[in-house]
Amino acid sequence: MLCAAWPHVKGDLGSTRRGAAVFLDGLDGIHGTGDRRSWVARWTNIGDAHCLVGDLNIEKGAFDEASEAWLCALTAFEVARRLIEDEGSQAEGVLAKIEASLQRFGSFEGKVERVHITCSDQAGILAYYVRAAGRELCAPAVICISREEETAAMLLGRILPTVVGRGISVLVVSHDDVSNHWPGQSEILLASCLDYLLVRSDVSTTRIGIYGEGLSAALATDFAVSDRRVAAASCDGGLWSWARTLASVGWMTRTANGLGENVLSSHRLRLIRRLRCPVLVVAGGRSMVSAAEAIKLQADCTEARIDLEVTMPRIARTPAGEIENFVTSDDRVFGWLEHKLTRSLAP
């Protein structure tokens, strides 16, 4: 088992992530060469081997190499998690390994902080904070909201390998903690997260972004609309709300499909103009956003000179369903956020 994984643990984080991306891109071609459980076992063993390398490096005092090995392990475990078809013992085992790797990485030099976000009239929420590379003062920061079925730890375990080394800090929160249980609640909780970042001496007060995926992409849009302090947003661009509105109009009047494209374009732009910051929309794959609607929105925004971009993750279509290449998608999203926020004027 572990012996077979050793050829995959001799490279650095970059080569590990490239290998994971190539594997995910080729899944539709290799799926028939082995069942999903065997692929899960393979990538779990690769993660275990990286963890062992990290532990050995700690014993030798090679702390940077140990940190990199744990980041490689997180990438491998995330590949394994994507391949799991059900929520049985195999899924629980992989999730436990992700959490253990996070603890290993985070406990060394306080690389990951567990912080409490206080709210004026509520109990507050717990979040993870990872400081920007170089530990410079006044770096940009991004509030990251997990998908609706994922915890903050699961999101952090996935994005940590791509955010470490960048010039941005991240504050990771759970969808369940900030989701809208009554009108305006999510905006209040996310505003508290932003307030927390503003009082940190290592965060730039004018370069704070928001990122959400799944239903959290809609939460990110609503928050960016409600709080003008948001400097960049990776969100749904209002398309989830737009789709529900269009469906309601069609159901009530049976005329939605007959609306002219000029009318539809006007409505799409009316929503996006409420966002006063650069926007990146992730469409297709596991996103709640239709690729077709996102492309139409991008065309409207280009014509109106609105700063909106669309990215679509690469998807492998297998007999067991679609599997997204999270490696290339995360690199694209956080590369865009870093670019937009570091271009902003420093305070």
Protein backbone atom coordinates (compact mmCIF):
# COMPACT_ATOMS: atom_id res chain seq x y z
CA MET A 1 0.00 0.00 0.00
CA LEU A 2 2.28 2.80 1.23
CA CYS A 3 5.18 1.35 -0.76
CA ALA A 4 3.19 1.76 -3.96
CA ALA A 5 2.57 5.40 -3.08
CA TRP A 6 6.23 6.36 -2.62
CA PRO A 7 6.85 7.24 -6.30
CA HIS A 8 4.21 9.96 -5.91
CA VAL A 9 5.70 11.69 -2.86
CA LYS A 10 9.11 12.76 -4.09
CA GLY A 11 8.00 15.97 -5.72
CA ASP A 12 7.01 19.35 -4.32
CA LEU A 13 3.49 20.75 -3.88
CA GLY A 14 3.44 22.07 -7.44
CA SER A 15 4.14 18.65 -8.95
CA THR A 16 1.64 16.99 -6.60
CA ARG A 17 -1.12 19.35 -7.70
CA ARG A 18 -0.20 18.99 -11.36
CA GLY A 19 -0.39 15.22 -10.99
CA ALA A 20 -3.79 15.49 -9.30
CA ALA A 21 -5.06 17.82 -12.05
CA VAL A 22 -3.89 15.46 -14.81
CA PHE A 23 -5.55 12.50 -13.06
CA LEU A 24 -8.87 14.34 -12.66
CA ASP A 25 -8.82 15.53 -16.27
CA GLY A 26 -8.28 11.99 -17.47
CA LEU A 27 -10.89 10.30 -15.28
CA ASP A 28 -13.39 9.81 -18.07
CA GLY A 29 -10.74 7.88 -20.02
CA ILE A 30 -9.36 5.72 -17.21
CA HIS A 31 -12.54 5.11 -15.21
CA GLY A 32 -12.96 1.63 -16.64
CA THR A 33 -9.49 0.53 -15.55
CA GLY A 34 -10.50 0.19 -11.90
CA ASP A 35 -13.43 0.74 -9.59
CA ARG A 36 -13.89 3.94 -7.61
CA ARG A 37 -12.98 2.33 -4.28
CA SER A 38 -9.57 1.28 -5.62
CA TRP A 39 -8.88 4.82 -6.84
CA VAL A 40 -9.96 6.20 -3.45
CA ALA A 41 -7.57 3.76 -1.76
CA ARG A 42 -4.75 4.78 -4.08
CA TRP A 43 -5.09 8.51 -3.39
CA THR A 44 -5.63 7.90 0.31
CA ASN A 45 -2.35 5.95 0.39
CA ILE A 46 -0.59 8.79 -1.41
CA GLY A 47 -1.90 11.19 1.24
CA ASP A 48 -0.77 8.86 4.03
CA ALA A 49 2.70 8.67 2.51
CA HIS A 50 2.94 12.47 2.36
CA CYS A 51 1.90 12.65 6.02
CA LEU A 52 4.66 10.19 6.91
CA VAL A 53 7.18 12.33 5.03
CA GLY A 54 5.94 15.37 6.95
CA ASP A 55 6.36 13.60 10.29
CA LEU A 56 9.89 12.45 9.35
CA ASN A 57 10.82 16.00 8.33
CA ILE A 58 9.61 17.33 11.68
CA GLU A 59 11.93 14.88 13.44
CA LYS A 60 14.83 16.19 11.31
CA GLY A 61 13.91 19.83 11.97
CA ALA A 62 13.04 20.41 8.29
CA PHE A 63 9.91 22.42 9.09
CA ASP A 64 9.28 23.95 5.66
CA GLU A 65 9.52 20.54 4.01
CA ALA A 66 7.13 19.11 6.61
CA SER A 67 4.57 21.85 5.90
CA GLU A 68 4.78 21.23 2.18
CA ALA A 69 4.31 17.48 2.68
CA TRP A 70 1.12 18.07 4.67
CA LEU A 71 -0.21 20.36 1.93
CA CYS A 72 0.51 17.60 -0.59
CA ALA A 73 -1.40 15.20 1.67
CA LEU A 74 -4.41 17.53 1.75
CA THR A 75 -4.48 17.62 -2.06
CA ALA A 76 -4.31 13.82 -2.26
CA PHE A 77 -7.04 13.34 0.35
CA GLU A 78 -9.28 15.82 -1.48
CA VAL A 79 -8.90 13.81 -4.70
CA ALA A 80 -9.90 10.71 -2.74
CA ARG A 81 -12.90 12.53 -1.24
CA ARG A 82 -14.14 13.54 -4.71
CA LEU A 83 -14.05 9.92 -5.84
CA ILE A 84 -16.12 8.53 -2.98
CA GLU A 85 -19.60 7.52 -4.11
CA ASP A 86 -21.39 7.25 -0.75
CA GLU A 87 -21.16 8.48 2.83
CA GLY A 88 -19.98 5.23 4.41
CA SER A 89 -16.90 4.34 6.41
CA GLN A 90 -14.56 5.14 3.52
CA ALA A 91 -15.83 8.73 3.41
CA GLU A 92 -15.54 9.10 7.18
CA GLY A 93 -11.98 7.81 7.09
CA VAL A 94 -10.90 10.30 4.42
CA LEU A 95 -12.55 13.21 6.24
CA ALA A 96 -10.76 12.21 9.45
CA LYS A 97 -7.44 12.24 7.58
CA ILE A 98 -8.17 15.72 6.19
CA GLU A 99 -8.89 17.06 9.67
CA ALA A 100 -5.75 15.40 11.08
CA SER A 101 -3.60 16.93 8.32
CA LEU A 102 -5.12 20.35 9.01
CA GLN A 103 -4.24 19.98 12.69
CA ARG A 104 -0.68 18.96 11.82
CA PHE A 105 -0.20 21.91 9.48
CA GLY A 106 -2.05 24.43 11.65
CA SER A 107 -0.35 23.56 14.93
CA PHE A 108 3.09 24.37 13.54
CA GLU A 109 3.91 28.07 14.10
CA GLY A 110 0.20 28.88 14.30
CA LYS A 111 -0.22 28.72 10.53
CA VAL A 112 -3.98 28.20 10.95
CA GLU A 113 -5.84 30.11 13.66
CA ARG A 114 -9.21 29.08 15.06
CA VAL A 115 -10.98 32.38 15.74
CA HIS A 116 -14.30 33.44 17.22
CA ILE A 117 -16.37 36.01 15.33
CA THR A 118 -18.57 38.00 17.67
CA CYS A 119 -21.96 39.35 16.60
CA SER A 120 -23.82 42.13 18.35
CA ASP A 121 -27.00 40.22 19.22
CA GLN A 122 -26.02 36.60 18.50
CA ALA A 123 -23.74 33.95 19.92
CA GLY A 124 -21.15 34.39 17.18
CA ILE A 125 -19.45 31.80 15.00
CA LEU A 126 -16.14 29.98 14.77
CA ALA A 127 -13.90 30.38 11.72
CA TYR A 128 -10.45 29.48 10.43
CA TYR A 129 -7.93 32.23 9.65
CA VAL A 130 -4.81 31.75 7.51
CA ARG A 131 -2.44 34.67 7.22
CA ALA A 132 -0.98 35.80 3.90
CA ALA A 133 2.43 34.54 2.80
CA GLY A 134 5.33 36.58 4.14
CA ARG A 135 3.27 37.69 7.15
CA GLU A 136 3.35 41.25 5.80
CA LEU A 137 1.23 44.01 7.26
CA CYS A 138 -1.93 45.15 5.50
CA ALA A 139 -2.32 42.23 3.08
CA PRO A 140 -5.61 41.61 1.24
CA ALA A 141 -8.02 39.09 2.76
CA VAL A 142 -10.92 36.96 1.50
CA ILE A 143 -13.94 35.69 3.43
CA CYS A 144 -14.61 32.14 2.15
CA ILE A 145 -17.99 30.42 2.66
CA SER A 146 -18.25 26.65 2.28
CA ARG A 147 -20.85 24.86 0.18
CA GLU A 148 -24.13 24.01 1.88
CA GLU A 149 -23.21 20.36 2.51
CA GLU A 150 -19.61 21.01 3.59
CA THR A 151 -18.01 22.21 6.81
CA ALA A 152 -15.51 25.03 7.06
CA ALA A 153 -12.77 22.47 7.74
CA MET A 154 -13.59 20.63 4.50
CA LEU A 155 -13.34 23.84 2.49
CA LEU A 156 -10.12 24.88 4.23
CA GLY A 157 -8.55 21.48 3.61
CA ARG A 158 -9.27 21.86 -0.10
CA ILE A 159 -8.16 25.47 -0.64
CA LEU A 160 -5.23 25.61 1.81
CA PRO A 161 -2.72 24.19 -0.72
CA THR A 162 -3.63 26.91 -3.23
CA VAL A 163 -3.84 29.90 -0.83
CA VAL A 164 -0.61 29.18 1.06
CA GLY A 165 2.14 31.11 -0.68
CA ARG A 166 -0.20 33.77 -2.07
CA GLY A 167 -0.34 37.35 -0.93
CA ILE A 168 -3.82 37.05 0.52
CA SER A 169 -5.18 35.96 3.90
CA VAL A 170 -8.36 33.89 4.14
CA LEU A 171 -11.11 33.66 6.74
CA VAL A 172 -13.08 30.43 6.23
CA VAL A 173 -16.61 30.04 7.58
CA SER A 174 -19.32 27.40 7.29
CA HIS A 175 -22.43 27.83 5.15
CA ASP A 176 -24.55 26.52 8.01
CA ASP A 177 -23.22 29.22 10.32
CA VAL A 178 -24.00 32.13 8.00
CA SER A 179 -26.94 30.86 5.93
CA ASN A 180 -30.06 32.94 5.92
CA HIS A 181 -32.48 31.71 8.60
CA TRP A 182 -34.32 35.02 8.52
CA PRO A 183 -34.08 38.04 6.18
CA GLY A 184 -30.77 39.84 6.49
CA GLN A 185 -29.14 37.38 8.91
CA SER A 186 -26.42 36.21 6.53
CA GLU A 187 -25.45 39.81 5.73
CA ILE A 188 -25.21 40.61 9.46
CA LEU A 189 -22.99 37.59 10.16
CA LEU A 190 -20.76 38.21 7.16
CA ALA A 191 -20.48 41.89 8.12
CA SER A 192 -19.22 40.69 11.51
CA CYS A 193 -16.60 38.60 9.70
CA LEU A 194 -15.52 41.66 7.74
CA ASP A 195 -15.44 43.73 10.93
CA TYR A 196 -13.18 41.10 12.49
CA LEU A 197 -10.75 41.41 9.58
CA LEU A 198 -10.77 45.21 9.76
CA VAL A 199 -9.37 45.24 13.30
CA ARG A 200 -6.49 42.90 12.46
CA SER A 201 -3.24 44.76 11.92
CA ASP A 202 -2.21 42.34 9.13
CA VAL A 203 -5.27 43.02 6.93
CA SER A 204 -5.76 45.86 4.48
CA THR A 205 -9.00 47.69 5.29
CA THR A 206 -9.71 48.47 1.62
CA ARG A 207 -8.87 45.10 0.05
CA ILE A 208 -11.27 42.51 1.43
CA GLY A 209 -13.01 40.07 -0.91
CA ILE A 210 -15.76 37.46 -0.62
CA TYR A 211 -15.93 33.93 -2.05
CA GLY A 212 -18.79 31.44 -1.96
CA GLU A 213 -19.67 28.29 -3.84
CA GLY A 214 -22.89 26.38 -4.27
CA LEU A 215 -25.72 28.22 -2.54
CA SER A 216 -23.06 30.24 -0.73
CA ALA A 217 -22.28 31.94 -4.04
CA ALA A 218 -25.68 33.61 -3.76
CA LEU A 219 -24.90 34.60 -0.15
CA ALA A 220 -21.64 36.16 -1.38
CA THR A 221 -23.56 38.16 -3.99
CA ASP A 222 -26.10 39.44 -1.47
CA PHE A 223 -23.34 40.46 0.93
CA ALA A 224 -21.31 42.25 -1.75
CA VAL A 225 -24.46 44.18 -2.70
CA SER A 226 -25.28 45.09 0.91
CA ASP A 227 -21.74 46.03 2.03
CA ARG A 228 -19.76 48.41 -0.16
CA ARG A 229 -16.56 47.56 1.71
CA VAL A 230 -16.24 44.38 -0.39
CA ALA A 231 -13.50 44.98 -2.98
CA ALA A 232 -13.89 41.82 -5.10
CA ALA A 233 -16.40 38.96 -5.20
CA SER A 234 -16.32 35.42 -6.53
CA CYS A 235 -20.07 34.79 -6.45
CA ASP A 236 -23.08 33.94 -8.61
CA GLY A 237 -23.49 37.47 -9.97
CA GLY A 238 -27.17 37.42 -9.00
CA LEU A 239 -27.94 34.57 -11.42
CA TRP A 240 -29.42 32.21 -8.81
CA SER A 241 -31.94 34.88 -7.80
CA TRP A 242 -32.46 35.73 -11.46
CA ALA A 243 -33.20 32.09 -12.34
CA ARG A 244 -35.77 31.80 -9.56
CA THR A 245 -37.38 35.08 -10.60
CA LEU A 246 -37.55 34.01 -14.24
CA ALA A 247 -39.03 30.64 -13.27
CA SER A 248 -41.66 32.36 -11.12
CA VAL A 249 -42.61 34.72 -13.94
CA GLY A 250 -42.91 31.80 -16.32
CA TRP A 251 -45.03 29.80 -13.90
CA MET A 252 -47.40 32.69 -13.14
CA THR A 253 -47.73 34.15 -16.63
CA ARG A 254 -46.43 31.42 -18.96
CA THR A 255 -44.67 34.20 -20.87
CA ALA A 256 -41.08 34.04 -19.59
CA ASN A 257 -39.88 32.13 -22.65
CA GLY A 258 -41.48 34.74 -24.83
CA LEU A 259 -39.62 37.67 -23.31
CA GLY A 260 -37.29 39.38 -25.75
CA GLU A 261 -33.53 39.08 -25.29
CA ASN A 262 -33.29 42.86 -24.82
CA VAL A 263 -35.69 42.64 -21.87
CA LEU A 264 -33.78 39.69 -20.37
CA SER A 265 -30.48 41.50 -20.83
CA SER A 266 -31.85 44.59 -19.10
CA HIS A 267 -32.95 42.54 -16.08
CA ARG A 268 -29.59 40.76 -15.84
CA LEU A 269 -27.72 44.06 -15.92
CA ARG A 270 -30.04 45.60 -13.34
CA LEU A 271 -28.95 42.92 -10.89
CA ILE A 272 -25.23 43.08 -11.61
CA ARG A 273 -25.06 46.89 -11.45
CA ARG A 274 -25.87 46.64 -7.75
CA LEU A 275 -22.44 45.08 -7.32
CA ARG A 276 -19.83 47.86 -7.29
CA CYS A 277 -16.76 45.62 -7.30
CA PRO A 278 -15.07 43.25 -9.78
CA VAL A 279 -16.94 39.93 -10.04
CA LEU A 280 -15.92 36.39 -10.98
CA VAL A 281 -18.73 33.91 -11.67
CA VAL A 282 -17.97 30.18 -11.53
CA ALA A 283 -20.46 28.40 -13.80
CA GLY A 284 -21.19 24.80 -14.69
CA GLY A 285 -20.00 21.71 -12.85
CA ARG A 286 -21.08 21.69 -9.20
CA SER A 287 -21.97 25.38 -9.40
CA MET A 288 -25.60 26.45 -9.01
CA VAL A 289 -25.05 28.80 -11.97
CA SER A 290 -26.01 27.77 -15.50
CA ALA A 291 -23.07 28.07 -17.90
CA ALA A 292 -25.39 29.42 -20.61
CA GLU A 293 -26.79 32.17 -18.38
CA ALA A 294 -23.30 33.06 -17.13
CA ILE A 295 -22.05 33.48 -20.70
CA LYS A 296 -25.04 35.70 -21.53
CA LEU A 297 -24.36 37.78 -18.42
CA GLN A 298 -20.70 38.14 -19.34
CA ALA A 299 -21.62 39.34 -22.82
CA ASP A 300 -24.03 41.90 -21.37
CA CYS A 301 -21.38 43.11 -18.92
CA THR A 302 -18.71 43.37 -21.60
CA GLU A 303 -20.98 45.57 -23.67
CA ALA A 304 -21.83 47.69 -20.61
CA ARG A 305 -18.13 47.84 -19.54
CA ILE A 306 -18.82 46.12 -16.23
CA ASP A 307 -15.88 44.22 -14.69
CA LEU A 308 -17.26 40.66 -14.68
CA GLU A 309 -15.50 37.46 -15.71
CA VAL A 310 -16.76 33.89 -16.00
CA THR A 311 -14.80 30.70 -15.40
CA MET A 312 -15.97 27.13 -15.90
CA PRO A 313 -14.18 24.25 -14.15
CA ARG A 314 -13.04 21.27 -16.17
CA ILE A 315 -15.38 18.30 -15.64
CA ALA A 316 -14.73 14.59 -16.11
CA ARG A 317 -17.91 12.71 -16.99
CA THR A 318 -17.83 9.18 -15.62
CA PRO A 319 -20.51 6.45 -15.37
CA ALA A 320 -20.85 7.37 -11.69
CA GLY A 321 -21.37 11.08 -12.38
CA GLU A 322 -19.44 14.29 -13.00
CA ILE A 323 -16.20 14.99 -11.10
CA GLU A 324 -14.82 18.51 -11.09
CA ASN A 325 -11.13 19.33 -11.39
CA PHE A 326 -10.94 21.33 -8.17
CA VAL A 327 -7.18 21.91 -8.57
CA THR A 328 -7.38 24.06 -11.69
CA SER A 329 -10.65 25.67 -10.59
CA ASP A 330 -9.30 26.78 -7.19
CA ASP A 331 -6.07 28.04 -8.74
CA ARG A 332 -8.13 30.13 -11.16
CA VAL A 333 -10.48 31.55 -8.52
CA PHE A 334 -7.85 32.46 -5.93
CA GLY A 335 -5.43 33.67 -8.58
CA TRP A 336 -8.18 36.04 -9.77
CA LEU A 337 -8.94 37.21 -6.22
CA GLU A 338 -5.26 37.81 -5.50
CA HIS A 339 -4.86 39.74 -8.75
CA LYS A 340 -7.93 41.94 -8.22
CA LEU A 341 -7.21 42.66 -4.54
CA THR A 342 -3.50 43.34 -4.90
CA ARG A 343 -4.29 45.76 -7.73
CA SER A 344 -6.50 47.76 -5.35
CA LEU A 345 -5.00 50.81 -3.74
CA ALA A 346 -3.33 50.12 -0.42
CA PRO A 347 -4.66 52.13 2.56
